[in-house]
Amino acid sequence: MATKKDQTMEMQKQEAVPTEDQERTRSRRCFVPKADIYETDQEIVVLADIPGANEKTVEITLEKSVLTINAFIDPVRANGFELAYAEYEEGDYQRSFHLSNEINQDKIEATVSEGVLRLRLPKSQGAATRKIAVKTV
């Protein structure tokens, strides 16, 4: 019988690959942040892992229904020490999402806390799930 430890899988960071119309201005590695997406009747919530980022280093843009997350991470170095070996690669983060017209783009909210970005994407009034009353005629 397999133990819980045997079933644990190591997740590798996926490096972001720029498309033809994108060009990076920083000469650092860039990764795609892992994200969980939850949906309720009123909104979609995206939780993205961006360790090392804060509200000053995260940039979120919305252009032509494409929401783009950029997080610029400064390398962490301990004073008086030289890195001999690293299992965790540092770098920036970038990820884009295509939004449907069901999202109220004017009311999108973003917060970041302890390396997790939380995006609240409220649904438009017409897109929200609602119950239709059935009447007898």
C-alpha atoms as a PDB file:
ATOM      1  CA  MET A   1       0.000   0.000   0.000  1.00  0.00           C
ATOM      2  CA  ALA A   2       1.392   3.402  -1.010  1.00  0.00           C
ATOM      3  CA  THR A   3       1.900   5.997   1.670  1.00  0.00           C
ATOM      4  CA  LYS A   4       0.868   9.636   1.313  1.00  0.00           C
ATOM      5  CA  LYS A   5       4.527  10.587   0.910  1.00  0.00           C
ATOM      6  CA  ASP A   6       4.885   8.170  -2.039  1.00  0.00           C
ATOM      7  CA  GLN A   7       1.894   9.791  -3.769  1.00  0.00           C
ATOM      8  CA  THR A   8       3.267  13.335  -3.518  1.00  0.00           C
ATOM      9  CA  MET A   9       4.400  14.699  -6.864  1.00  0.00           C
ATOM     10  CA  GLU A  10       6.953  17.461  -7.268  1.00  0.00           C
ATOM     11  CA  MET A  11       5.638  20.364  -9.327  1.00  0.00           C
ATOM     12  CA  GLN A  12       8.118  22.012 -11.675  1.00  0.00           C
ATOM     13  CA  LYS A  13       7.835  25.656 -12.652  1.00  0.00           C
ATOM     14  CA  GLN A  14       6.786  26.183 -16.241  1.00  0.00           C
ATOM     15  CA  GLU A  15       8.814  28.834 -18.022  1.00  0.00           C
ATOM     16  CA  ALA A  16       6.806  31.456 -19.907  1.00  0.00           C
ATOM     17  CA  VAL A  17       7.480  31.493 -23.640  1.00  0.00           C
ATOM     18  CA  PRO A  18       6.952  34.891 -25.281  1.00  0.00           C
ATOM     19  CA  THR A  19       4.797  34.979 -28.407  1.00  0.00           C
ATOM     20  CA  GLU A  20       5.703  36.862 -31.587  1.00  0.00           C
ATOM     21  CA  ASP A  21       3.979  40.052 -30.411  1.00  0.00           C
ATOM     22  CA  GLN A  22       5.630  40.014 -26.962  1.00  0.00           C
ATOM     23  CA  GLU A  23       9.092  41.097 -25.995  1.00  0.00           C
ATOM     24  CA  ARG A  24      10.583  41.012 -22.517  1.00  0.00           C
ATOM     25  CA  THR A  25      12.445  44.043 -21.246  1.00  0.00           C
ATOM     26  CA  ARG A  26      14.115  42.191 -18.368  1.00  0.00           C
ATOM     27  CA  SER A  27      16.869  39.655 -18.907  1.00  0.00           C
ATOM     28  CA  ARG A  28      15.584  37.230 -16.281  1.00  0.00           C
ATOM     29  CA  ARG A  29      13.726  33.991 -16.501  1.00  0.00           C
ATOM     30  CA  CYS A  30       9.963  34.297 -16.488  1.00  0.00           C
ATOM     31  CA  PHE A  31       7.551  31.644 -15.244  1.00  0.00           C
ATOM     32  CA  VAL A  32       3.839  30.938 -15.647  1.00  0.00           C
ATOM     33  CA  PRO A  33       2.236  31.150 -12.189  1.00  0.00           C
ATOM     34  CA  LYS A  34       0.108  28.184 -11.141  1.00  0.00           C
ATOM     35  CA  ALA A  35      -3.518  29.203 -10.665  1.00  0.00           C
ATOM     36  CA  ASP A  36      -6.739  27.851  -9.198  1.00  0.00           C
ATOM     37  CA  ILE A  37     -10.014  29.137 -10.640  1.00  0.00           C
ATOM     38  CA  TYR A  38     -13.289  29.049  -8.717  1.00  0.00           C
ATOM     39  CA  GLU A  39     -16.732  30.010  -9.972  1.00  0.00           C
ATOM     40  CA  THR A  40     -19.821  31.098  -8.061  1.00  0.00           C
ATOM     41  CA  ASP A  41     -23.123  32.434  -9.321  1.00  0.00           C
ATOM     42  CA  GLN A  42     -21.831  36.013  -8.981  1.00  0.00           C
ATOM     43  CA  GLU A  43     -18.131  35.852  -9.856  1.00  0.00           C
ATOM     44  CA  ILE A  44     -15.045  33.979 -10.933  1.00  0.00           C
ATOM     45  CA  VAL A  45     -12.095  33.983  -8.518  1.00  0.00           C
ATOM     46  CA  VAL A  46      -8.532  33.337  -9.698  1.00  0.00           C
ATOM     47  CA  LEU A  47      -5.826  32.505  -7.142  1.00  0.00           C
ATOM     48  CA  ALA A  48      -2.329  32.684  -8.670  1.00  0.00           C
ATOM     49  CA  ASP A  49       0.918  31.742  -6.907  1.00  0.00           C
ATOM     50  CA  ILE A  50       3.485  34.524  -7.272  1.00  0.00           C
ATOM     51  CA  PRO A  51       5.929  34.048  -4.370  1.00  0.00           C
ATOM     52  CA  GLY A  52       8.069  37.065  -3.617  1.00  0.00           C
ATOM     53  CA  ALA A  53       5.603  39.554  -5.122  1.00  0.00           C
ATOM     54  CA  ASN A  54       3.717  42.356  -3.417  1.00  0.00           C
ATOM     55  CA  GLU A  55       1.336  45.138  -4.475  1.00  0.00           C
ATOM     56  CA  LYS A  56       4.256  47.255  -5.734  1.00  0.00           C
ATOM     57  CA  THR A  57       5.734  44.540  -7.965  1.00  0.00           C
ATOM     58  CA  VAL A  58       2.522  43.208  -9.534  1.00  0.00           C
ATOM     59  CA  GLU A  59       1.164  44.777 -12.700  1.00  0.00           C
ATOM     60  CA  ILE A  60      -2.225  43.750 -14.109  1.00  0.00           C
ATOM     61  CA  THR A  61      -3.450  45.021 -17.462  1.00  0.00           C
ATOM     62  CA  LEU A  62      -6.671  44.533 -19.377  1.00  0.00           C
ATOM     63  CA  GLU A  63      -6.611  45.108 -23.120  1.00  0.00           C
ATOM     64  CA  LYS A  64      -9.104  43.821 -25.681  1.00  0.00           C
ATOM     65  CA  SER A  65     -10.556  41.317 -23.167  1.00  0.00           C
ATOM     66  CA  VAL A  66      -7.113  39.892 -22.341  1.00  0.00           C
ATOM     67  CA  LEU A  67      -6.165  40.138 -18.668  1.00  0.00           C
ATOM     68  CA  THR A  68      -2.384  39.942 -18.220  1.00  0.00           C
ATOM     69  CA  ILE A  69      -0.575  39.432 -14.919  1.00  0.00           C
ATOM     70  CA  ASN A  70       3.073  40.471 -14.593  1.00  0.00           C
ATOM     71  CA  ALA A  71       4.973  40.074 -11.324  1.00  0.00           C
ATOM     72  CA  PHE A  72       8.535  41.345 -11.137  1.00  0.00           C
ATOM     73  CA  ILE A  73      10.542  39.578  -8.445  1.00  0.00           C
ATOM     74  CA  ASP A  74      13.854  40.845  -7.099  1.00  0.00           C
ATOM     75  CA  PRO A  75      16.372  38.101  -6.310  1.00  0.00           C
ATOM     76  CA  VAL A  76      16.917  37.344  -2.625  1.00  0.00           C
ATOM     77  CA  ARG A  77      20.535  37.105  -1.521  1.00  0.00           C
ATOM     78  CA  ALA A  78      21.769  36.602   2.040  1.00  0.00           C
ATOM     79  CA  ASN A  79      24.531  39.016   3.067  1.00  0.00           C
ATOM     80  CA  GLY A  80      27.894  37.351   3.505  1.00  0.00           C
ATOM     81  CA  PHE A  81      26.890  34.146   1.685  1.00  0.00           C
ATOM     82  CA  GLU A  82      27.403  32.889  -1.842  1.00  0.00           C
ATOM     83  CA  LEU A  83      24.823  30.556  -3.357  1.00  0.00           C
ATOM     84  CA  ALA A  84      26.336  27.087  -3.767  1.00  0.00           C
ATOM     85  CA  TYR A  85      23.237  25.146  -4.847  1.00  0.00           C
ATOM     86  CA  ALA A  86      19.600  26.054  -5.537  1.00  0.00           C
ATOM     87  CA  GLU A  87      16.559  23.858  -6.085  1.00  0.00           C
ATOM     88  CA  TYR A  88      14.193  26.800  -6.433  1.00  0.00           C
ATOM     89  CA  GLU A  89      14.672  29.068  -9.430  1.00  0.00           C
ATOM     90  CA  GLU A  90      13.871  32.727  -9.056  1.00  0.00           C
ATOM     91  CA  GLY A  91      12.329  34.802 -11.785  1.00  0.00           C
ATOM     92  CA  ASP A  92       9.416  36.940 -12.829  1.00  0.00           C
ATOM     93  CA  TYR A  93       5.882  35.700 -13.502  1.00  0.00           C
ATOM     94  CA  GLN A  94       3.577  36.287 -16.449  1.00  0.00           C
ATOM     95  CA  ARG A  95       0.203  34.835 -17.398  1.00  0.00           C
ATOM     96  CA  SER A  96      -2.722  35.941 -19.553  1.00  0.00           C
ATOM     97  CA  PHE A  97      -6.399  35.046 -19.506  1.00  0.00           C
ATOM     98  CA  HIS A  98      -8.946  35.709 -22.255  1.00  0.00           C
ATOM     99  CA  LEU A  99     -12.116  37.029 -20.628  1.00  0.00           C
ATOM    100  CA  SER A 100     -15.567  36.421 -22.029  1.00  0.00           C
ATOM    101  CA  ASN A 101     -18.144  39.179 -22.330  1.00  0.00           C
ATOM    102  CA  GLU A 102     -19.849  37.618 -19.289  1.00  0.00           C
ATOM    103  CA  ILE A 103     -17.299  39.347 -17.030  1.00  0.00           C
ATOM    104  CA  ASN A 104     -17.976  42.892 -15.842  1.00  0.00           C
ATOM    105  CA  GLN A 105     -14.528  44.220 -16.761  1.00  0.00           C
ATOM    106  CA  ASP A 106     -15.075  47.556 -14.966  1.00  0.00           C
ATOM    107  CA  LYS A 107     -15.427  45.863 -11.561  1.00  0.00           C
ATOM    108  CA  ILE A 108     -12.420  43.511 -11.529  1.00  0.00           C
ATOM    109  CA  GLU A 109     -10.550  43.607  -8.203  1.00  0.00           C
ATOM    110  CA  ALA A 110      -7.075  42.342  -7.305  1.00  0.00           C
ATOM    111  CA  THR A 111      -5.329  41.771  -3.976  1.00  0.00           C
ATOM    112  CA  VAL A 112      -2.016  40.136  -3.120  1.00  0.00           C
ATOM    113  CA  SER A 113      -1.034  38.597   0.194  1.00  0.00           C
ATOM    114  CA  GLU A 114       1.866  36.302   1.118  1.00  0.00           C
ATOM    115  CA  GLY A 115       2.698  35.490  -2.494  1.00  0.00           C
ATOM    116  CA  VAL A 116      -0.860  34.740  -3.627  1.00  0.00           C
ATOM    117  CA  LEU A 117      -2.673  37.005  -6.077  1.00  0.00           C
ATOM    118  CA  ARG A 118      -6.471  36.978  -5.770  1.00  0.00           C
ATOM    119  CA  LEU A 119      -8.473  38.267  -8.730  1.00  0.00           C
ATOM    120  CA  ARG A 120     -12.223  38.770  -8.369  1.00  0.00           C
ATOM    121  CA  LEU A 121     -13.951  38.779 -11.762  1.00  0.00           C
ATOM    122  CA  PRO A 122     -17.616  39.680 -11.190  1.00  0.00           C
ATOM    123  CA  LYS A 123     -20.112  38.417 -13.725  1.00  0.00           C
ATOM    124  CA  SER A 124     -22.254  40.866 -15.676  1.00  0.00           C
ATOM    125  CA  GLN A 125     -25.871  41.152 -14.556  1.00  0.00           C
ATOM    126  CA  GLY A 126     -27.104  39.195 -17.582  1.00  0.00           C
ATOM    127  CA  ALA A 127     -24.478  36.476 -17.080  1.00  0.00           C
ATOM    128  CA  ALA A 128     -25.165  35.722 -13.418  1.00  0.00           C
ATOM    129  CA  THR A 129     -27.052  32.522 -12.749  1.00  0.00           C
ATOM    130  CA  ARG A 130     -30.574  33.195 -11.594  1.00  0.00           C
ATOM    131  CA  LYS A 131     -33.613  31.143 -10.835  1.00  0.00           C
ATOM    132  CA  ILE A 132     -36.619  31.548 -13.112  1.00  0.00           C
ATOM    133  CA  ALA A 133     -39.997  31.334 -11.397  1.00  0.00           C
ATOM    134  CA  VAL A 134     -42.445  28.915 -12.981  1.00  0.00           C
ATOM    135  CA  LYS A 135     -46.091  29.992 -12.890  1.00  0.00           C
ATOM    136  CA  THR A 136     -49.312  28.195 -13.627  1.00  0.00           C
ATOM    137  CA  VAL A 137     -51.487  29.603 -16.444  1.00  0.00           C
END
